[in-house]
Amino acid sequence: MCHEGHKVEFVLVQLVTGGCMVLLAVTARLELFFLLCVVAGLHRACLYVVPYAATNEIIHKEAEDKKSGRQRVGTAISIVTAMIPLAFCVLYPWTGALTEWTGVVSTPLWVAATFSSLAAVSFLFV
């Protein structure tokens, strides 16, 4: 339902970001930290654009199919807008607690890599 270009971009960026996080967690090399900084910039740009473009495209396609108005676009965009900060509010507190419990400082990298991979897989079904 979503444009294939959006899927490829989002999935590729998520997988590259997750891969960089895993490499950094395993090797703890400074060069990978700087690479992750660059990749995280691309990830952030993709994260704040692609879901909105995909949502807008899906809603407009549904509106054309059902011959209905475009009143649902605002609601759908609002839901996507709320998902990003809510995900941060849900994930970060328990990631810190998990780091404290395990005593492994790379725990946030492992958690972020896991959720980045899950985001890539889930976006394939959009």
N, C-alpha and C. Protein backbone atom coordinates (compact mmCIF):
# COMPACT_ATOMS: atom_id res chain seq x y z
N MET A 1 0.81 -1.19 0.00
CA MET A 1 0.00 0.00 0.00
C MET A 1 0.86 1.26 0.00
N CYS A 2 1.99 1.18 0.66
CA CYS A 2 2.90 2.31 0.74
C CYS A 2 3.82 2.31 -0.48
N HIS A 3 4.30 3.46 -0.87
CA HIS A 3 5.22 3.59 -1.99
C HIS A 3 6.48 2.77 -1.72
N GLU A 4 6.94 2.02 -2.69
CA GLU A 4 8.09 1.13 -2.51
C GLU A 4 9.37 1.90 -2.16
N GLY A 5 9.51 3.11 -2.69
CA GLY A 5 10.69 3.92 -2.37
C GLY A 5 10.77 4.25 -0.89
N HIS A 6 9.62 4.53 -0.28
CA HIS A 6 9.59 4.80 1.16
C HIS A 6 9.98 3.57 1.95
N LYS A 7 9.48 2.42 1.53
CA LYS A 7 9.81 1.18 2.23
C LYS A 7 11.30 0.90 2.18
N VAL A 8 11.86 0.98 0.99
CA VAL A 8 13.28 0.68 0.82
C VAL A 8 14.13 1.63 1.65
N GLU A 9 13.82 2.91 1.59
CA GLU A 9 14.59 3.90 2.35
C GLU A 9 14.50 3.64 3.85
N PHE A 10 13.30 3.46 4.35
CA PHE A 10 13.12 3.28 5.78
C PHE A 10 13.78 1.99 6.26
N VAL A 11 13.56 0.90 5.56
CA VAL A 11 14.12 -0.39 5.97
C VAL A 11 15.64 -0.36 5.90
N LEU A 12 16.19 0.20 4.83
CA LEU A 12 17.64 0.27 4.69
C LEU A 12 18.27 1.11 5.79
N VAL A 13 17.71 2.26 6.07
CA VAL A 13 18.26 3.13 7.11
C VAL A 13 18.14 2.46 8.48
N GLN A 14 17.03 1.81 8.75
CA GLN A 14 16.87 1.12 10.04
C GLN A 14 17.90 0.01 10.20
N LEU A 15 18.10 -0.79 9.16
CA LEU A 15 19.04 -1.90 9.25
C LEU A 15 20.49 -1.42 9.35
N VAL A 16 20.85 -0.37 8.62
CA VAL A 16 22.21 0.17 8.72
C VAL A 16 22.44 0.76 10.11
N THR A 17 21.46 1.46 10.65
CA THR A 17 21.58 2.01 11.99
C THR A 17 21.73 0.91 13.03
N GLY A 18 20.88 -0.10 12.94
CA GLY A 18 20.97 -1.23 13.86
C GLY A 18 22.30 -1.95 13.75
N GLY A 19 22.78 -2.15 12.53
CA GLY A 19 24.06 -2.80 12.32
C GLY A 19 25.21 -2.01 12.92
N CYS A 20 25.19 -0.69 12.74
CA CYS A 20 26.23 0.16 13.34
C CYS A 20 26.19 0.09 14.86
N MET A 21 25.00 0.04 15.43
CA MET A 21 24.88 -0.07 16.89
C MET A 21 25.44 -1.39 17.40
N VAL A 22 25.16 -2.47 16.69
CA VAL A 22 25.69 -3.78 17.09
C VAL A 22 27.21 -3.78 16.98
N LEU A 23 27.74 -3.26 15.88
CA LEU A 23 29.19 -3.20 15.73
C LEU A 23 29.84 -2.37 16.83
N LEU A 24 29.23 -1.25 17.16
CA LEU A 24 29.77 -0.40 18.22
C LEU A 24 29.70 -1.11 19.57
N ALA A 25 28.61 -1.81 19.83
CA ALA A 25 28.47 -2.54 21.10
C ALA A 25 29.50 -3.66 21.22
N VAL A 26 29.79 -4.31 20.12
CA VAL A 26 30.72 -5.44 20.14
C VAL A 26 32.17 -4.98 20.19
N THR A 27 32.52 -3.99 19.38
CA THR A 27 33.93 -3.59 19.26
C THR A 27 34.33 -2.42 20.14
N ALA A 28 33.40 -1.54 20.47
CA ALA A 28 33.68 -0.34 21.27
C ALA A 28 34.82 0.49 20.68
N ARG A 29 34.79 0.68 19.37
CA ARG A 29 35.82 1.48 18.69
C ARG A 29 35.30 2.90 18.47
N LEU A 30 36.19 3.85 18.65
CA LEU A 30 35.82 5.25 18.53
C LEU A 30 35.39 5.60 17.11
N GLU A 31 36.02 4.99 16.12
CA GLU A 31 35.67 5.26 14.72
C GLU A 31 34.22 4.88 14.44
N LEU A 32 33.78 3.78 15.02
CA LEU A 32 32.39 3.37 14.82
C LEU A 32 31.42 4.32 15.51
N PHE A 33 31.85 4.94 16.60
CA PHE A 33 31.00 5.93 17.25
C PHE A 33 30.74 7.10 16.30
N PHE A 34 31.79 7.58 15.64
CA PHE A 34 31.62 8.69 14.71
C PHE A 34 30.81 8.28 13.48
N LEU A 35 30.99 7.04 13.02
CA LEU A 35 30.17 6.54 11.93
C LEU A 35 28.70 6.47 12.35
N LEU A 36 28.46 6.01 13.57
CA LEU A 36 27.10 5.95 14.08
C LEU A 36 26.48 7.34 14.18
N CYS A 37 27.29 8.35 14.51
CA CYS A 37 26.77 9.73 14.56
C CYS A 37 26.26 10.17 13.19
N VAL A 38 26.99 9.85 12.14
CA VAL A 38 26.56 10.21 10.79
C VAL A 38 25.31 9.42 10.41
N VAL A 39 25.34 8.11 10.68
CA VAL A 39 24.19 7.26 10.35
C VAL A 39 22.97 7.68 11.16
N ALA A 40 23.17 8.07 12.41
CA ALA A 40 22.05 8.51 13.24
C ALA A 40 21.41 9.78 12.68
N GLY A 41 22.20 10.64 12.07
CA GLY A 41 21.64 11.82 11.41
C GLY A 41 20.73 11.43 10.25
N LEU A 42 21.18 10.46 9.46
CA LEU A 42 20.34 9.96 8.36
C LEU A 42 19.09 9.27 8.91
N HIS A 43 19.28 8.51 9.99
CA HIS A 43 18.16 7.81 10.62
C HIS A 43 17.12 8.80 11.12
N ARG A 44 17.59 9.85 11.75
CA ARG A 44 16.67 10.86 12.30
C ARG A 44 15.88 11.55 11.18
N ALA A 45 16.57 11.89 10.10
CA ALA A 45 15.88 12.52 8.97
C ALA A 45 14.85 11.57 8.37
N CYS A 46 15.21 10.32 8.25
CA CYS A 46 14.28 9.33 7.70
C CYS A 46 13.10 9.09 8.65
N LEU A 47 13.39 9.01 9.94
CA LEU A 47 12.36 8.75 10.94
C LEU A 47 11.32 9.86 10.99
N TYR A 48 11.74 11.09 10.76
CA TYR A 48 10.80 12.21 10.86
C TYR A 48 10.18 12.60 9.53
N VAL A 49 10.45 11.85 8.45
CA VAL A 49 9.85 12.16 7.16
C VAL A 49 9.04 10.99 6.60
N VAL A 50 9.65 9.82 6.53
CA VAL A 50 9.03 8.69 5.83
C VAL A 50 7.69 8.26 6.43
N PRO A 51 7.54 8.12 7.76
CA PRO A 51 6.22 7.71 8.26
C PRO A 51 5.10 8.68 7.90
N TYR A 52 5.41 9.97 7.88
CA TYR A 52 4.40 10.97 7.54
C TYR A 52 4.04 10.88 6.05
N ALA A 53 5.04 10.73 5.20
CA ALA A 53 4.79 10.61 3.77
C ALA A 53 4.00 9.35 3.48
N ALA A 54 4.36 8.25 4.12
CA ALA A 54 3.64 6.99 3.90
C ALA A 54 2.20 7.09 4.39
N THR A 55 1.99 7.68 5.55
CA THR A 55 0.64 7.85 6.09
C THR A 55 -0.22 8.71 5.18
N ASN A 56 0.33 9.80 4.73
CA ASN A 56 -0.39 10.70 3.83
C ASN A 56 -0.77 9.97 2.55
N GLU A 57 0.17 9.22 2.01
CA GLU A 57 -0.08 8.49 0.76
C GLU A 57 -1.17 7.42 0.95
N ILE A 58 -1.10 6.69 2.04
CA ILE A 58 -2.07 5.63 2.30
C ILE A 58 -3.47 6.21 2.48
N ILE A 59 -3.59 7.27 3.27
CA ILE A 59 -4.90 7.89 3.52
C ILE A 59 -5.49 8.45 2.24
N HIS A 60 -4.67 9.10 1.41
CA HIS A 60 -5.19 9.66 0.17
C HIS A 60 -5.61 8.55 -0.79
N LYS A 61 -4.89 7.45 -0.81
CA LYS A 61 -5.29 6.33 -1.66
C LYS A 61 -6.61 5.73 -1.19
N GLU A 62 -6.77 5.59 0.13
CA GLU A 62 -8.05 5.09 0.67
C GLU A 62 -9.19 6.04 0.34
N ALA A 63 -8.91 7.36 0.43
CA ALA A 63 -9.96 8.35 0.12
C ALA A 63 -10.38 8.27 -1.33
N GLU A 64 -9.42 8.03 -2.22
CA GLU A 64 -9.76 7.88 -3.65
C GLU A 64 -10.55 6.61 -3.88
N ASP A 65 -10.16 5.53 -3.21
CA ASP A 65 -10.86 4.25 -3.39
C ASP A 65 -12.30 4.32 -2.88
N LYS A 66 -12.51 5.01 -1.78
CA LYS A 66 -13.84 5.06 -1.17
C LYS A 66 -14.64 6.28 -1.59
N LYS A 67 -14.04 7.13 -2.40
CA LYS A 67 -14.69 8.37 -2.84
C LYS A 67 -15.13 9.23 -1.67
N SER A 68 -14.37 9.15 -0.58
CA SER A 68 -14.70 9.96 0.59
C SER A 68 -13.79 11.18 0.63
N GLY A 69 -14.04 12.03 1.58
CA GLY A 69 -13.24 13.23 1.73
C GLY A 69 -11.88 12.93 2.35
N ARG A 70 -11.11 13.98 2.55
CA ARG A 70 -9.78 13.82 3.10
C ARG A 70 -9.72 14.22 4.57
N GLN A 71 -10.81 14.10 5.28
CA GLN A 71 -10.86 14.52 6.66
C GLN A 71 -10.03 13.63 7.58
N ARG A 72 -9.70 12.42 7.16
CA ARG A 72 -8.97 11.50 8.02
C ARG A 72 -7.47 11.73 8.00
N VAL A 73 -6.96 12.54 7.09
CA VAL A 73 -5.51 12.76 6.99
C VAL A 73 -4.99 13.39 8.27
N GLY A 74 -5.66 14.37 8.77
CA GLY A 74 -5.23 15.03 10.00
C GLY A 74 -5.17 14.10 11.19
N THR A 75 -6.17 13.25 11.31
CA THR A 75 -6.20 12.28 12.41
C THR A 75 -5.05 11.29 12.29
N ALA A 76 -4.82 10.78 11.09
CA ALA A 76 -3.74 9.80 10.89
C ALA A 76 -2.38 10.42 11.15
N ILE A 77 -2.16 11.63 10.68
CA ILE A 77 -0.88 12.32 10.90
C ILE A 77 -0.70 12.59 12.39
N SER A 78 -1.76 12.94 13.09
CA SER A 78 -1.67 13.17 14.53
C SER A 78 -1.28 11.91 15.28
N ILE A 79 -1.80 10.78 14.86
CA ILE A 79 -1.45 9.51 15.50
C ILE A 79 0.02 9.20 15.27
N VAL A 80 0.50 9.37 14.04
CA VAL A 80 1.92 9.13 13.75
C VAL A 80 2.79 10.10 14.53
N THR A 81 2.36 11.35 14.64
CA THR A 81 3.11 12.35 15.39
C THR A 81 3.22 11.98 16.86
N ALA A 82 2.19 11.42 17.42
CA ALA A 82 2.21 11.03 18.84
C ALA A 82 3.03 9.77 19.07
N MET A 83 3.15 8.91 18.07
CA MET A 83 3.85 7.64 18.27
C MET A 83 5.33 7.82 18.58
N ILE A 84 5.99 8.77 17.95
CA ILE A 84 7.44 8.90 18.13
C ILE A 84 7.80 9.33 19.55
N PRO A 85 7.26 10.42 20.10
CA PRO A 85 7.61 10.76 21.48
C PRO A 85 7.10 9.75 22.49
N LEU A 86 5.95 9.13 22.23
CA LEU A 86 5.45 8.12 23.16
C LEU A 86 6.37 6.91 23.19
N ALA A 87 6.91 6.54 22.05
CA ALA A 87 7.86 5.42 22.01
C ALA A 87 9.10 5.76 22.83
N PHE A 88 9.59 6.98 22.72
CA PHE A 88 10.75 7.39 23.52
C PHE A 88 10.42 7.35 25.01
N CYS A 89 9.24 7.84 25.37
CA CYS A 89 8.84 7.85 26.79
C CYS A 89 8.68 6.44 27.35
N VAL A 90 8.27 5.50 26.53
CA VAL A 90 8.09 4.12 27.00
C VAL A 90 9.43 3.38 27.04
N LEU A 91 10.26 3.56 26.04
CA LEU A 91 11.49 2.77 25.93
C LEU A 91 12.62 3.25 26.84
N TYR A 92 12.85 4.53 26.92
CA TYR A 92 14.03 5.01 27.63
C TYR A 92 14.04 4.71 29.12
N PRO A 93 12.96 4.85 29.86
CA PRO A 93 13.04 4.54 31.30
C PRO A 93 13.43 3.10 31.60
N TRP A 94 12.87 2.15 30.88
CA TRP A 94 13.24 0.78 31.20
C TRP A 94 14.58 0.39 30.62
N THR A 95 15.06 1.12 29.59
CA THR A 95 16.40 0.86 29.08
C THR A 95 17.44 1.23 30.13
N GLY A 96 17.23 2.35 30.79
CA GLY A 96 18.15 2.74 31.87
C GLY A 96 18.12 1.75 33.02
N ALA A 97 16.94 1.30 33.38
CA ALA A 97 16.83 0.31 34.46
C ALA A 97 17.49 -1.00 34.06
N LEU A 98 17.34 -1.39 32.80
CA LEU A 98 17.96 -2.61 32.31
C LEU A 98 19.49 -2.50 32.33
N THR A 99 20.00 -1.33 31.99
CA THR A 99 21.44 -1.10 32.03
C THR A 99 21.95 -1.21 33.46
N GLU A 100 21.22 -0.62 34.38
CA GLU A 100 21.62 -0.69 35.78
C GLU A 100 21.55 -2.12 36.31
N TRP A 101 20.54 -2.85 35.90
CA TRP A 101 20.35 -4.23 36.37
C TRP A 101 21.43 -5.16 35.82
N THR A 102 21.76 -5.02 34.51
CA THR A 102 22.75 -5.90 33.90
C THR A 102 24.18 -5.45 34.18
N GLY A 103 24.37 -4.16 34.37
CA GLY A 103 25.72 -3.64 34.58
C GLY A 103 26.52 -3.53 33.29
N VAL A 104 25.88 -3.71 32.15
CA VAL A 104 26.55 -3.63 30.85
C VAL A 104 26.21 -2.28 30.23
N VAL A 105 27.23 -1.46 29.98
CA VAL A 105 26.96 -0.12 29.49
C VAL A 105 26.50 -0.09 28.04
N SER A 106 26.69 -1.17 27.30
CA SER A 106 26.24 -1.20 25.91
C SER A 106 24.79 -1.67 25.76
N THR A 107 24.09 -1.85 26.86
CA THR A 107 22.70 -2.31 26.81
C THR A 107 21.80 -1.40 25.97
N PRO A 108 21.90 -0.07 26.10
CA PRO A 108 21.05 0.78 25.24
C PRO A 108 21.32 0.58 23.75
N LEU A 109 22.57 0.29 23.39
CA LEU A 109 22.86 0.03 21.98
C LEU A 109 22.19 -1.25 21.51
N TRP A 110 22.22 -2.28 22.34
CA TRP A 110 21.57 -3.55 21.99
C TRP A 110 20.06 -3.37 21.88
N VAL A 111 19.48 -2.64 22.82
CA VAL A 111 18.03 -2.40 22.80
C VAL A 111 17.65 -1.60 21.56
N ALA A 112 18.40 -0.53 21.27
CA ALA A 112 18.11 0.30 20.10
C ALA A 112 18.28 -0.49 18.81
N ALA A 113 19.31 -1.33 18.74
CA ALA A 113 19.52 -2.14 17.54
C ALA A 113 18.36 -3.13 17.35
N THR A 114 17.91 -3.70 18.44
CA THR A 114 16.79 -4.64 18.37
C THR A 114 15.53 -3.95 17.87
N PHE A 115 15.21 -2.80 18.45
CA PHE A 115 13.99 -2.10 18.03
C PHE A 115 14.12 -1.51 16.64
N SER A 116 15.33 -1.15 16.24
CA SER A 116 15.54 -0.67 14.88
C SER A 116 15.27 -1.79 13.88
N SER A 117 15.72 -2.99 14.20
CA SER A 117 15.45 -4.14 13.34
C SER A 117 13.96 -4.47 13.30
N LEU A 118 13.30 -4.40 14.45
CA LEU A 118 11.86 -4.65 14.50
C LEU A 118 11.08 -3.60 13.71
N ALA A 119 11.54 -2.36 13.76
CA ALA A 119 10.89 -1.30 12.96
C ALA A 119 11.03 -1.57 11.48
N ALA A 120 12.21 -2.04 11.07
CA ALA A 120 12.42 -2.36 9.66
C ALA A 120 11.50 -3.48 9.21
N VAL A 121 11.39 -4.52 10.02
CA VAL A 121 10.54 -5.65 9.67
C VAL A 121 9.07 -5.24 9.65
N SER A 122 8.63 -4.46 10.65
CA SER A 122 7.23 -4.07 10.69
C SER A 122 6.85 -3.13 9.55
N PHE A 123 7.80 -2.31 9.10
CA PHE A 123 7.48 -1.38 8.02
C PHE A 123 7.32 -2.10 6.68
N LEU A 124 7.85 -3.31 6.58
CA LEU A 124 7.67 -4.10 5.36
C LEU A 124 6.21 -4.47 5.14
N PHE A 125 5.42 -4.50 6.20
CA PHE A 125 4.02 -4.89 6.10
C PHE A 125 3.08 -3.71 5.86
N VAL A 126 3.61 -2.51 5.76
CA VAL A 126 2.78 -1.32 5.53
C VAL A 126 2.44 -1.24 4.06
